[in-house]
N, C-alpha and C. Protein backbone atom coordinates (compact mmCIF):
# COMPACT_ATOMS: atom_id res chain seq x y z
N MET A 1 5.81 82.42 33.71
CA MET A 1 6.02 82.02 32.37
C MET A 1 4.67 81.95 31.70
N ALA A 2 4.62 82.61 30.65
CA ALA A 2 3.37 82.68 29.91
C ALA A 2 3.37 81.56 28.87
N CYS A 3 2.22 80.99 28.69
CA CYS A 3 2.08 79.88 27.74
C CYS A 3 1.07 80.32 26.71
N SER A 4 1.51 80.32 25.50
CA SER A 4 0.58 80.72 24.45
C SER A 4 0.15 79.49 23.66
N LEU A 5 -0.87 79.70 22.90
CA LEU A 5 -1.38 78.63 22.05
C LEU A 5 -0.32 78.23 21.02
N TRP A 6 0.45 79.18 20.58
CA TRP A 6 1.50 78.90 19.61
C TRP A 6 2.54 77.97 20.21
N ASP A 7 2.92 78.18 21.46
CA ASP A 7 3.90 77.33 22.13
C ASP A 7 3.34 75.91 22.31
N PHE A 8 2.05 75.82 22.61
CA PHE A 8 1.42 74.53 22.81
C PHE A 8 1.43 73.69 21.53
N SER A 9 1.09 74.31 20.42
CA SER A 9 1.05 73.56 19.17
C SER A 9 2.45 73.15 18.73
N SER A 10 3.45 73.97 19.02
CA SER A 10 4.82 73.57 18.67
C SER A 10 5.28 72.45 19.56
N SER A 11 4.82 72.41 20.79
CA SER A 11 5.16 71.31 21.70
C SER A 11 4.53 70.01 21.21
N VAL A 12 3.29 70.11 20.77
CA VAL A 12 2.60 68.93 20.25
C VAL A 12 3.29 68.46 18.98
N ARG A 13 3.64 69.42 18.10
CA ARG A 13 4.35 69.04 16.88
C ARG A 13 5.67 68.38 17.21
N SER A 14 6.36 68.85 18.19
CA SER A 14 7.64 68.29 18.59
C SER A 14 7.46 66.86 19.11
N VAL A 15 6.44 66.66 19.91
CA VAL A 15 6.18 65.32 20.46
C VAL A 15 5.77 64.37 19.33
N LEU A 16 4.91 64.83 18.45
CA LEU A 16 4.49 63.99 17.34
C LEU A 16 5.65 63.68 16.40
N HIS A 17 6.51 64.67 16.20
CA HIS A 17 7.66 64.47 15.33
C HIS A 17 8.60 63.42 15.94
N ARG A 18 8.82 63.49 17.24
CA ARG A 18 9.69 62.49 17.90
C ARG A 18 9.04 61.11 17.88
N ALA A 19 7.72 61.06 18.06
CA ALA A 19 7.02 59.78 18.03
C ALA A 19 7.08 59.15 16.65
N ALA A 20 6.90 59.98 15.62
CA ALA A 20 6.96 59.48 14.25
C ALA A 20 8.36 58.99 13.93
N ALA A 21 9.37 59.72 14.37
CA ALA A 21 10.75 59.30 14.13
C ALA A 21 11.04 57.98 14.85
N GLY A 22 10.52 57.85 16.07
CA GLY A 22 10.71 56.60 16.82
C GLY A 22 10.00 55.44 16.15
N CYS A 23 8.82 55.71 15.64
CA CYS A 23 8.05 54.68 14.94
C CYS A 23 8.79 54.21 13.70
N CYS A 24 9.39 55.14 12.96
CA CYS A 24 10.14 54.79 11.76
C CYS A 24 11.37 53.97 12.13
N ARG A 25 12.04 54.36 13.22
CA ARG A 25 13.20 53.58 13.67
C ARG A 25 12.77 52.18 14.08
N PHE A 26 11.61 52.08 14.76
CA PHE A 26 11.10 50.78 15.19
C PHE A 26 10.76 49.91 13.98
N ALA A 27 10.11 50.48 12.98
CA ALA A 27 9.75 49.75 11.77
C ALA A 27 10.99 49.30 11.02
N ALA A 28 12.00 50.16 10.96
CA ALA A 28 13.24 49.80 10.29
C ALA A 28 13.95 48.69 11.03
N ALA A 29 13.94 48.75 12.36
CA ALA A 29 14.57 47.70 13.16
C ALA A 29 13.81 46.39 13.00
N LEU A 30 12.49 46.48 12.94
CA LEU A 30 11.67 45.28 12.77
C LEU A 30 11.92 44.65 11.40
N ALA A 31 12.10 45.45 10.38
CA ALA A 31 12.35 44.94 9.04
C ALA A 31 13.71 44.26 8.96
N ARG A 32 14.68 44.72 9.74
CA ARG A 32 16.00 44.11 9.74
C ARG A 32 16.06 42.85 10.59
N ASP A 33 15.14 42.68 11.52
CA ASP A 33 15.14 41.55 12.43
C ASP A 33 14.66 40.30 11.70
N ARG A 34 15.49 39.28 11.63
CA ARG A 34 15.16 38.05 10.90
C ARG A 34 14.83 36.88 11.85
N ARG A 35 14.75 37.14 13.14
CA ARG A 35 14.43 36.06 14.08
C ARG A 35 13.02 35.55 13.82
N GLY A 36 12.86 34.24 13.81
CA GLY A 36 11.56 33.63 13.60
C GLY A 36 11.18 33.46 12.14
N MET A 37 12.00 33.92 11.24
CA MET A 37 11.68 33.84 9.83
C MET A 37 11.65 32.38 9.35
N SER A 38 12.58 31.57 9.83
CA SER A 38 12.60 30.17 9.41
C SER A 38 11.38 29.42 9.93
N ALA A 39 10.86 29.80 11.09
CA ALA A 39 9.65 29.16 11.61
C ALA A 39 8.46 29.47 10.72
N VAL A 40 8.39 30.67 10.24
CA VAL A 40 7.29 31.05 9.34
C VAL A 40 7.42 30.30 8.02
N GLU A 41 8.63 30.22 7.49
CA GLU A 41 8.84 29.49 6.24
C GLU A 41 8.50 28.01 6.40
N PHE A 42 8.88 27.42 7.54
CA PHE A 42 8.57 26.02 7.79
C PHE A 42 7.05 25.82 7.90
N GLY A 43 6.38 26.75 8.56
CA GLY A 43 4.93 26.67 8.70
C GLY A 43 4.22 26.72 7.36
N VAL A 44 4.78 27.42 6.40
CA VAL A 44 4.19 27.49 5.07
C VAL A 44 4.55 26.24 4.25
N ALA A 45 5.78 25.76 4.38
CA ALA A 45 6.25 24.65 3.54
C ALA A 45 5.85 23.27 4.07
N ALA A 46 5.68 23.11 5.38
CA ALA A 46 5.41 21.79 5.96
C ALA A 46 4.13 21.15 5.43
N PRO A 47 3.01 21.84 5.37
CA PRO A 47 1.81 21.18 4.83
C PRO A 47 1.96 20.72 3.39
N VAL A 48 2.65 21.50 2.59
CA VAL A 48 2.87 21.11 1.19
C VAL A 48 3.77 19.88 1.13
N PHE A 49 4.82 19.86 1.92
CA PHE A 49 5.74 18.72 1.96
C PHE A 49 5.02 17.46 2.43
N LEU A 50 4.22 17.56 3.48
CA LEU A 50 3.49 16.41 3.99
C LEU A 50 2.42 15.93 3.00
N ALA A 51 1.81 16.84 2.29
CA ALA A 51 0.81 16.46 1.29
C ALA A 51 1.45 15.67 0.15
N ILE A 52 2.70 15.94 -0.14
CA ILE A 52 3.42 15.19 -1.18
C ILE A 52 3.95 13.87 -0.61
N LEU A 53 4.36 13.85 0.63
CA LEU A 53 4.99 12.68 1.23
C LEU A 53 4.00 11.58 1.62
N MET A 54 2.82 11.92 2.11
CA MET A 54 1.88 10.91 2.61
C MET A 54 1.44 9.91 1.54
N PRO A 55 1.11 10.30 0.32
CA PRO A 55 0.76 9.29 -0.68
C PRO A 55 1.92 8.33 -0.99
N VAL A 56 3.14 8.84 -0.95
CA VAL A 56 4.30 7.99 -1.21
C VAL A 56 4.43 6.94 -0.10
N VAL A 57 4.23 7.35 1.14
CA VAL A 57 4.29 6.42 2.27
C VAL A 57 3.17 5.39 2.16
N ASP A 58 1.97 5.83 1.84
CA ASP A 58 0.82 4.92 1.71
C ASP A 58 1.03 3.91 0.60
N LEU A 59 1.50 4.36 -0.56
CA LEU A 59 1.75 3.42 -1.66
C LEU A 59 2.87 2.44 -1.31
N GLY A 60 3.86 2.89 -0.57
CA GLY A 60 4.92 2.01 -0.11
C GLY A 60 4.40 0.93 0.83
N ARG A 61 3.51 1.32 1.74
CA ARG A 61 2.89 0.33 2.65
C ARG A 61 2.06 -0.68 1.87
N ALA A 62 1.30 -0.20 0.89
CA ALA A 62 0.46 -1.10 0.09
C ALA A 62 1.34 -2.07 -0.71
N TYR A 63 2.42 -1.57 -1.29
CA TYR A 63 3.32 -2.43 -2.06
C TYR A 63 3.99 -3.46 -1.16
N SER A 64 4.36 -3.07 0.04
CA SER A 64 4.96 -4.00 1.00
C SER A 64 3.99 -5.13 1.35
N GLN A 65 2.73 -4.78 1.58
CA GLN A 65 1.74 -5.82 1.89
C GLN A 65 1.49 -6.72 0.67
N GLN A 66 1.53 -6.15 -0.53
CA GLN A 66 1.37 -6.96 -1.74
C GLN A 66 2.49 -7.99 -1.85
N ILE A 67 3.70 -7.59 -1.53
CA ILE A 67 4.84 -8.51 -1.56
C ILE A 67 4.67 -9.60 -0.51
N GLN A 68 4.19 -9.24 0.67
CA GLN A 68 3.98 -10.23 1.73
C GLN A 68 2.91 -11.24 1.34
N ILE A 69 1.87 -10.78 0.66
CA ILE A 69 0.82 -11.70 0.19
C ILE A 69 1.41 -12.67 -0.84
N ARG A 70 2.19 -12.14 -1.76
CA ARG A 70 2.81 -12.99 -2.79
C ARG A 70 3.71 -14.05 -2.14
N GLN A 71 4.49 -13.66 -1.16
CA GLN A 71 5.37 -14.61 -0.49
C GLN A 71 4.58 -15.67 0.27
N ALA A 72 3.47 -15.27 0.89
CA ALA A 72 2.63 -16.23 1.61
C ALA A 72 2.00 -17.23 0.66
N VAL A 73 1.51 -16.76 -0.48
CA VAL A 73 0.91 -17.66 -1.47
C VAL A 73 1.97 -18.60 -2.03
N GLN A 74 3.18 -18.11 -2.26
CA GLN A 74 4.25 -18.96 -2.75
C GLN A 74 4.64 -20.01 -1.71
N ALA A 75 4.59 -19.65 -0.44
CA ALA A 75 4.87 -20.63 0.62
C ALA A 75 3.80 -21.72 0.62
N GLY A 76 2.55 -21.34 0.42
CA GLY A 76 1.48 -22.33 0.32
C GLY A 76 1.65 -23.22 -0.90
N ALA A 77 2.08 -22.65 -2.03
CA ALA A 77 2.32 -23.44 -3.24
C ALA A 77 3.47 -24.42 -3.02
N LEU A 78 4.50 -23.99 -2.34
CA LEU A 78 5.61 -24.89 -2.03
C LEU A 78 5.15 -26.04 -1.15
N TYR A 79 4.36 -25.72 -0.14
CA TYR A 79 3.82 -26.76 0.74
C TYR A 79 2.95 -27.73 -0.06
N ALA A 80 2.11 -27.20 -0.94
CA ALA A 80 1.23 -28.05 -1.74
C ALA A 80 2.01 -28.95 -2.69
N SER A 81 3.11 -28.46 -3.25
CA SER A 81 3.87 -29.28 -4.19
C SER A 81 4.70 -30.35 -3.49
N VAL A 82 5.03 -30.15 -2.24
CA VAL A 82 5.86 -31.11 -1.50
C VAL A 82 5.02 -32.17 -0.81
N ASN A 83 3.84 -31.82 -0.33
CA ASN A 83 2.99 -32.75 0.41
C ASN A 83 1.97 -33.41 -0.52
N VAL A 84 1.79 -34.69 -0.34
CA VAL A 84 0.91 -35.48 -1.21
C VAL A 84 -0.53 -35.04 -1.00
N TYR A 85 -1.24 -34.89 -2.13
CA TYR A 85 -2.63 -34.46 -2.09
C TYR A 85 -3.50 -35.56 -1.53
N ASN A 86 -4.42 -35.15 -0.63
CA ASN A 86 -5.50 -36.04 -0.21
C ASN A 86 -6.74 -35.17 -0.05
N SER A 87 -7.87 -35.78 -0.16
CA SER A 87 -9.11 -34.99 -0.15
C SER A 87 -9.54 -34.60 1.25
N GLY A 88 -8.86 -35.05 2.28
CA GLY A 88 -9.27 -34.76 3.66
C GLY A 88 -8.83 -33.39 4.14
N THR A 89 -7.72 -33.35 4.86
CA THR A 89 -7.27 -32.13 5.52
C THR A 89 -6.19 -31.39 4.73
N TRP A 90 -5.87 -31.85 3.54
CA TRP A 90 -4.79 -31.26 2.76
C TRP A 90 -5.04 -29.78 2.48
N SER A 91 -6.23 -29.43 2.04
CA SER A 91 -6.57 -28.05 1.74
C SER A 91 -6.43 -27.16 2.97
N THR A 92 -6.87 -27.64 4.12
CA THR A 92 -6.73 -26.88 5.38
C THR A 92 -5.26 -26.72 5.74
N SER A 93 -4.47 -27.76 5.50
CA SER A 93 -3.03 -27.67 5.81
C SER A 93 -2.34 -26.64 4.91
N VAL A 94 -2.73 -26.57 3.64
CA VAL A 94 -2.16 -25.58 2.72
C VAL A 94 -2.56 -24.18 3.18
N GLN A 95 -3.83 -23.98 3.55
CA GLN A 95 -4.27 -22.68 4.06
C GLN A 95 -3.49 -22.28 5.31
N THR A 96 -3.25 -23.22 6.18
CA THR A 96 -2.47 -22.95 7.39
C THR A 96 -1.04 -22.57 7.03
N ALA A 97 -0.45 -23.24 6.02
CA ALA A 97 0.90 -22.88 5.59
C ALA A 97 0.94 -21.46 5.06
N VAL A 98 -0.10 -21.06 4.34
CA VAL A 98 -0.16 -19.69 3.81
C VAL A 98 -0.27 -18.68 4.95
N THR A 99 -1.19 -18.89 5.86
CA THR A 99 -1.40 -17.92 6.95
C THR A 99 -0.25 -17.89 7.94
N ASN A 100 0.42 -19.02 8.14
CA ASN A 100 1.55 -19.05 9.08
C ASN A 100 2.82 -18.44 8.52
N SER A 101 2.87 -18.25 7.21
CA SER A 101 4.10 -17.73 6.60
C SER A 101 4.16 -16.21 6.55
N THR A 102 3.17 -15.52 7.11
CA THR A 102 3.17 -14.06 7.09
C THR A 102 2.57 -13.52 8.37
N TYR A 103 3.00 -12.34 8.77
CA TYR A 103 2.38 -11.72 9.94
C TYR A 103 1.06 -11.06 9.57
N LEU A 104 0.72 -11.03 8.28
CA LEU A 104 -0.59 -10.52 7.87
C LEU A 104 -1.71 -11.42 8.37
N SER A 105 -1.37 -12.66 8.74
CA SER A 105 -2.40 -13.59 9.21
C SER A 105 -3.04 -13.12 10.50
N SER A 106 -2.37 -12.24 11.25
CA SER A 106 -2.97 -11.69 12.47
C SER A 106 -4.02 -10.63 12.14
N ASP A 107 -3.98 -10.12 10.92
CA ASP A 107 -4.95 -9.12 10.48
C ASP A 107 -6.26 -9.83 10.15
N ALA A 108 -7.36 -9.32 10.66
CA ALA A 108 -8.66 -9.97 10.49
C ALA A 108 -9.12 -9.97 9.03
N THR A 109 -8.54 -9.11 8.20
CA THR A 109 -8.99 -9.02 6.82
C THR A 109 -8.20 -9.91 5.87
N PHE A 110 -7.19 -10.64 6.37
CA PHE A 110 -6.39 -11.52 5.51
C PHE A 110 -7.15 -12.83 5.30
N ALA A 111 -7.17 -13.29 4.05
CA ALA A 111 -7.86 -14.55 3.74
C ALA A 111 -7.02 -15.36 2.77
N ALA A 112 -6.93 -16.65 3.04
CA ALA A 112 -6.23 -17.57 2.15
C ALA A 112 -7.22 -18.65 1.73
N THR A 113 -7.27 -18.93 0.43
CA THR A 113 -8.17 -19.96 -0.07
C THR A 113 -7.41 -20.92 -0.98
N VAL A 114 -7.84 -22.17 -0.95
CA VAL A 114 -7.26 -23.20 -1.80
C VAL A 114 -8.38 -23.70 -2.69
N GLY A 115 -8.20 -23.56 -4.00
CA GLY A 115 -9.22 -23.98 -4.95
C GLY A 115 -9.31 -25.49 -5.04
N ALA A 116 -10.31 -25.95 -5.73
CA ALA A 116 -10.50 -27.39 -5.93
C ALA A 116 -9.47 -27.92 -6.92
N GLU A 117 -9.17 -29.19 -6.80
CA GLU A 117 -8.24 -29.85 -7.72
C GLU A 117 -8.87 -29.87 -9.12
N SER A 118 -8.05 -29.62 -10.13
CA SER A 118 -8.54 -29.64 -11.51
C SER A 118 -7.52 -30.32 -12.41
N CYS A 119 -8.00 -30.79 -13.56
CA CYS A 119 -7.12 -31.41 -14.55
C CYS A 119 -6.84 -30.36 -15.62
N GLY A 120 -5.57 -30.20 -15.99
CA GLY A 120 -5.27 -29.19 -16.99
C GLY A 120 -3.94 -29.40 -17.67
N CYS A 121 -3.72 -28.56 -18.66
CA CYS A 121 -2.48 -28.57 -19.45
C CYS A 121 -1.94 -27.14 -19.54
N PRO A 122 -0.63 -26.98 -19.58
CA PRO A 122 -0.09 -25.63 -19.79
C PRO A 122 -0.47 -25.14 -21.19
N ASN A 123 -0.70 -23.82 -21.32
CA ASN A 123 -1.02 -23.29 -22.66
C ASN A 123 0.24 -23.26 -23.51
N SER A 124 0.13 -22.81 -24.75
CA SER A 124 1.26 -22.87 -25.69
C SER A 124 2.47 -22.07 -25.23
N THR A 125 2.27 -21.04 -24.39
CA THR A 125 3.40 -20.24 -23.91
C THR A 125 3.79 -20.60 -22.47
N SER A 126 3.14 -21.62 -21.92
CA SER A 126 3.39 -22.08 -20.54
C SER A 126 3.21 -20.97 -19.52
N THR A 127 2.24 -20.10 -19.76
CA THR A 127 1.98 -19.02 -18.81
C THR A 127 0.67 -19.20 -18.07
N ASP A 128 -0.12 -20.20 -18.46
CA ASP A 128 -1.41 -20.43 -17.81
C ASP A 128 -1.78 -21.90 -17.95
N ILE A 129 -2.70 -22.33 -17.11
CA ILE A 129 -3.18 -23.71 -17.17
C ILE A 129 -4.56 -23.70 -17.80
N VAL A 130 -4.73 -24.53 -18.82
CA VAL A 130 -6.00 -24.64 -19.53
C VAL A 130 -6.68 -25.92 -19.05
N SER A 131 -7.94 -25.81 -18.68
CA SER A 131 -8.70 -26.97 -18.24
C SER A 131 -8.73 -28.01 -19.36
N HIS A 132 -8.55 -29.30 -18.98
CA HIS A 132 -8.45 -30.33 -20.02
C HIS A 132 -9.55 -31.37 -19.87
N ASP A 133 -9.39 -32.32 -18.99
CA ASP A 133 -10.37 -33.37 -18.76
C ASP A 133 -10.98 -33.18 -17.37
N THR A 134 -11.86 -34.09 -17.02
CA THR A 134 -12.39 -34.08 -15.65
C THR A 134 -11.35 -34.70 -14.73
N ILE A 135 -11.55 -34.60 -13.44
CA ILE A 135 -10.61 -35.16 -12.46
C ILE A 135 -10.53 -36.68 -12.62
N THR A 136 -11.65 -37.32 -12.84
CA THR A 136 -11.66 -38.78 -12.93
C THR A 136 -11.09 -39.30 -14.24
N THR A 137 -11.11 -38.49 -15.30
CA THR A 137 -10.58 -38.93 -16.60
C THR A 137 -9.38 -38.09 -17.03
N CYS A 138 -8.54 -37.74 -16.09
CA CYS A 138 -7.37 -36.89 -16.39
C CYS A 138 -6.23 -37.74 -16.94
N GLY A 139 -5.98 -37.63 -18.21
CA GLY A 139 -4.87 -38.34 -18.84
C GLY A 139 -5.28 -39.67 -19.43
N PRO A 140 -4.43 -40.20 -20.34
CA PRO A 140 -4.75 -41.46 -21.03
C PRO A 140 -4.88 -42.66 -20.08
N SER A 141 -4.16 -42.66 -18.99
CA SER A 141 -4.23 -43.79 -18.08
C SER A 141 -5.57 -43.87 -17.35
N ASN A 142 -6.31 -42.76 -17.33
CA ASN A 142 -7.62 -42.73 -16.67
C ASN A 142 -8.77 -42.64 -17.68
N GLY A 143 -8.49 -42.85 -18.93
CA GLY A 143 -9.53 -42.81 -19.95
C GLY A 143 -9.64 -41.46 -20.64
N GLY A 144 -8.75 -40.52 -20.35
CA GLY A 144 -8.78 -39.21 -20.99
C GLY A 144 -7.79 -39.13 -22.13
N THR A 145 -7.43 -37.94 -22.51
CA THR A 145 -6.51 -37.73 -23.63
C THR A 145 -5.29 -36.93 -23.16
N ASN A 146 -4.27 -36.93 -24.01
CA ASN A 146 -3.07 -36.12 -23.73
C ASN A 146 -3.35 -34.66 -24.07
N CYS A 147 -2.45 -33.80 -23.64
CA CYS A 147 -2.54 -32.37 -23.97
C CYS A 147 -2.29 -32.19 -25.46
N SER A 148 -2.58 -31.01 -25.99
CA SER A 148 -2.42 -30.75 -27.43
C SER A 148 -0.97 -30.87 -27.88
N ASP A 149 -0.01 -30.66 -26.98
CA ASP A 149 1.40 -30.80 -27.35
C ASP A 149 1.91 -32.23 -27.15
N GLY A 150 1.03 -33.15 -26.74
CA GLY A 150 1.41 -34.56 -26.58
C GLY A 150 1.81 -34.92 -25.17
N SER A 151 1.97 -33.96 -24.28
CA SER A 151 2.35 -34.27 -22.90
C SER A 151 1.13 -34.69 -22.10
N ALA A 152 1.40 -35.35 -20.98
CA ALA A 152 0.30 -35.81 -20.12
C ALA A 152 -0.23 -34.64 -19.30
N PRO A 153 -1.55 -34.57 -19.16
CA PRO A 153 -2.11 -33.49 -18.31
C PRO A 153 -1.78 -33.75 -16.85
N GLY A 154 -1.92 -32.71 -16.03
CA GLY A 154 -1.62 -32.84 -14.61
C GLY A 154 -2.77 -32.34 -13.75
N TYR A 155 -2.62 -32.59 -12.47
CA TYR A 155 -3.60 -32.12 -11.50
C TYR A 155 -3.07 -30.81 -10.89
N TYR A 156 -3.90 -29.80 -10.91
CA TYR A 156 -3.49 -28.46 -10.46
C TYR A 156 -4.43 -27.93 -9.38
N VAL A 157 -3.88 -27.08 -8.54
CA VAL A 157 -4.65 -26.40 -7.50
C VAL A 157 -4.27 -24.92 -7.53
N THR A 158 -5.25 -24.04 -7.39
CA THR A 158 -5.00 -22.59 -7.33
C THR A 158 -5.08 -22.15 -5.88
N ILE A 159 -4.05 -21.44 -5.44
CA ILE A 159 -3.98 -20.92 -4.07
C ILE A 159 -4.04 -19.40 -4.15
N THR A 160 -4.94 -18.80 -3.38
CA THR A 160 -5.16 -17.37 -3.42
C THR A 160 -5.04 -16.78 -2.02
N GLY A 161 -4.42 -15.63 -1.94
CA GLY A 161 -4.36 -14.87 -0.68
C GLY A 161 -4.78 -13.45 -0.95
N SER A 162 -5.52 -12.87 -0.01
CA SER A 162 -5.95 -11.47 -0.18
C SER A 162 -6.04 -10.79 1.17
N VAL A 163 -5.88 -9.48 1.14
CA VAL A 163 -6.00 -8.66 2.34
C VAL A 163 -6.67 -7.36 1.96
N SER A 164 -7.45 -6.83 2.88
CA SER A 164 -8.10 -5.54 2.67
C SER A 164 -7.18 -4.47 3.23
N TYR A 165 -6.67 -3.61 2.35
CA TYR A 165 -5.74 -2.55 2.76
C TYR A 165 -6.48 -1.22 2.83
N THR A 166 -6.37 -0.57 3.97
CA THR A 166 -6.99 0.75 4.16
C THR A 166 -5.88 1.79 4.20
N PRO A 167 -5.88 2.74 3.27
CA PRO A 167 -4.84 3.78 3.27
C PRO A 167 -4.99 4.70 4.48
N VAL A 168 -3.89 5.36 4.84
CA VAL A 168 -3.90 6.30 5.96
C VAL A 168 -4.83 7.47 5.65
N MET A 169 -4.76 7.97 4.43
CA MET A 169 -5.61 9.08 4.01
C MET A 169 -6.33 8.68 2.73
N PRO A 170 -7.50 9.23 2.47
CA PRO A 170 -8.21 8.88 1.23
C PRO A 170 -7.56 9.55 0.01
N TYR A 171 -7.36 8.77 -1.04
CA TYR A 171 -6.78 9.27 -2.28
C TYR A 171 -7.65 8.82 -3.44
N SER A 172 -7.51 9.50 -4.54
CA SER A 172 -8.28 9.10 -5.71
C SER A 172 -7.66 7.88 -6.39
N ILE A 173 -6.38 7.60 -6.15
CA ILE A 173 -5.73 6.46 -6.81
C ILE A 173 -5.96 5.15 -6.06
N LEU A 174 -6.31 5.21 -4.78
CA LEU A 174 -6.57 4.01 -3.99
C LEU A 174 -7.99 4.08 -3.45
N ALA A 175 -8.77 3.05 -3.72
CA ALA A 175 -10.10 3.00 -3.12
C ALA A 175 -9.95 2.77 -1.63
N ASN A 176 -10.97 3.06 -0.88
CA ASN A 176 -10.87 2.94 0.57
C ASN A 176 -11.93 1.97 1.05
N PRO A 177 -11.67 0.75 1.43
CA PRO A 177 -10.39 0.04 1.38
C PRO A 177 -10.13 -0.58 0.00
N THR A 178 -8.89 -0.98 -0.21
CA THR A 178 -8.47 -1.62 -1.44
C THR A 178 -8.14 -3.09 -1.15
N THR A 179 -8.57 -3.99 -2.01
CA THR A 179 -8.24 -5.41 -1.83
C THR A 179 -6.97 -5.72 -2.61
N LEU A 180 -5.96 -6.19 -1.88
CA LEU A 180 -4.71 -6.62 -2.49
C LEU A 180 -4.74 -8.15 -2.51
N SER A 181 -4.39 -8.75 -3.64
CA SER A 181 -4.45 -10.21 -3.71
C SER A 181 -3.37 -10.74 -4.65
N ASP A 182 -3.13 -12.04 -4.51
CA ASP A 182 -2.19 -12.73 -5.39
C ASP A 182 -2.61 -14.20 -5.42
N GLN A 183 -2.19 -14.89 -6.47
CA GLN A 183 -2.50 -16.30 -6.55
C GLN A 183 -1.36 -17.07 -7.19
N ALA A 184 -1.34 -18.35 -6.91
CA ALA A 184 -0.35 -19.25 -7.50
C ALA A 184 -1.08 -20.52 -7.93
N VAL A 185 -0.70 -21.05 -9.07
CA VAL A 185 -1.24 -22.32 -9.56
C VAL A 185 -0.10 -23.33 -9.46
N VAL A 186 -0.36 -24.43 -8.77
CA VAL A 186 0.69 -25.42 -8.53
C VAL A 186 0.23 -26.80 -9.01
N ARG A 187 1.16 -27.50 -9.62
CA ARG A 187 0.87 -28.88 -10.05
C ARG A 187 1.13 -29.79 -8.86
N ILE A 188 0.13 -30.57 -8.52
CA ILE A 188 0.26 -31.42 -7.33
C ILE A 188 0.51 -32.88 -7.66
N GLN A 189 0.28 -33.30 -8.91
CA GLN A 189 0.59 -34.70 -9.31
C GLN A 189 1.02 -34.72 -10.74
C-alpha cells in the first residue's frame, strides 16, 4: 500500500475534524450542565449578604446592652428610693444593687456610680431636677426656701451605669469601643 502526502494530509484533516467536532460537543454539553451553579451563586452572594447582616447584628447587641444598663440603673433607683439614706454604706449598697441586677456586672468594663446627695426642685415640665439650696439648708424647715412653684424641695441622688461596648467589626457609625450609659435621678427624702 502506497502512502502519499495527499493521503496523509487528508488523514490529519479527518482527525482534526473529528477532534473539533468532539470539542464542540463537549462545550455544548458543558454549557447545558447546571451542576454546581448554585454553589457559584452562593459564593458570590454570601459576602454581600454577610456585609449587610453584620452591622444589623452588632447594632442589635449594642441596643440589648443599652436596655440592660437602663434596667440596672432603674433597679438601683428603686433600691435607693426604698432604703433610707445614710452617709455610710448606702452609696455602696446602691452600687451593689445596680451591679447585681444585670449580668453585665461580670464584664470588667461595666461601672455603676452613685452621685452625691443634692437639694433640688423639679423644673416647670417635671423633666429634670434643678439645684435649689445646699444640703444643710434644703427647704424652709432647714432655713432654706420653697421651690418656685411653692412645693418643698427634696433630696436627690443621680445613679449612673455605663459599659464599654466593642463591636464585632469596625463601622463608621460606632466608635471602637463605644461607651453605652444611662442614668436615673431619684428622690430619696
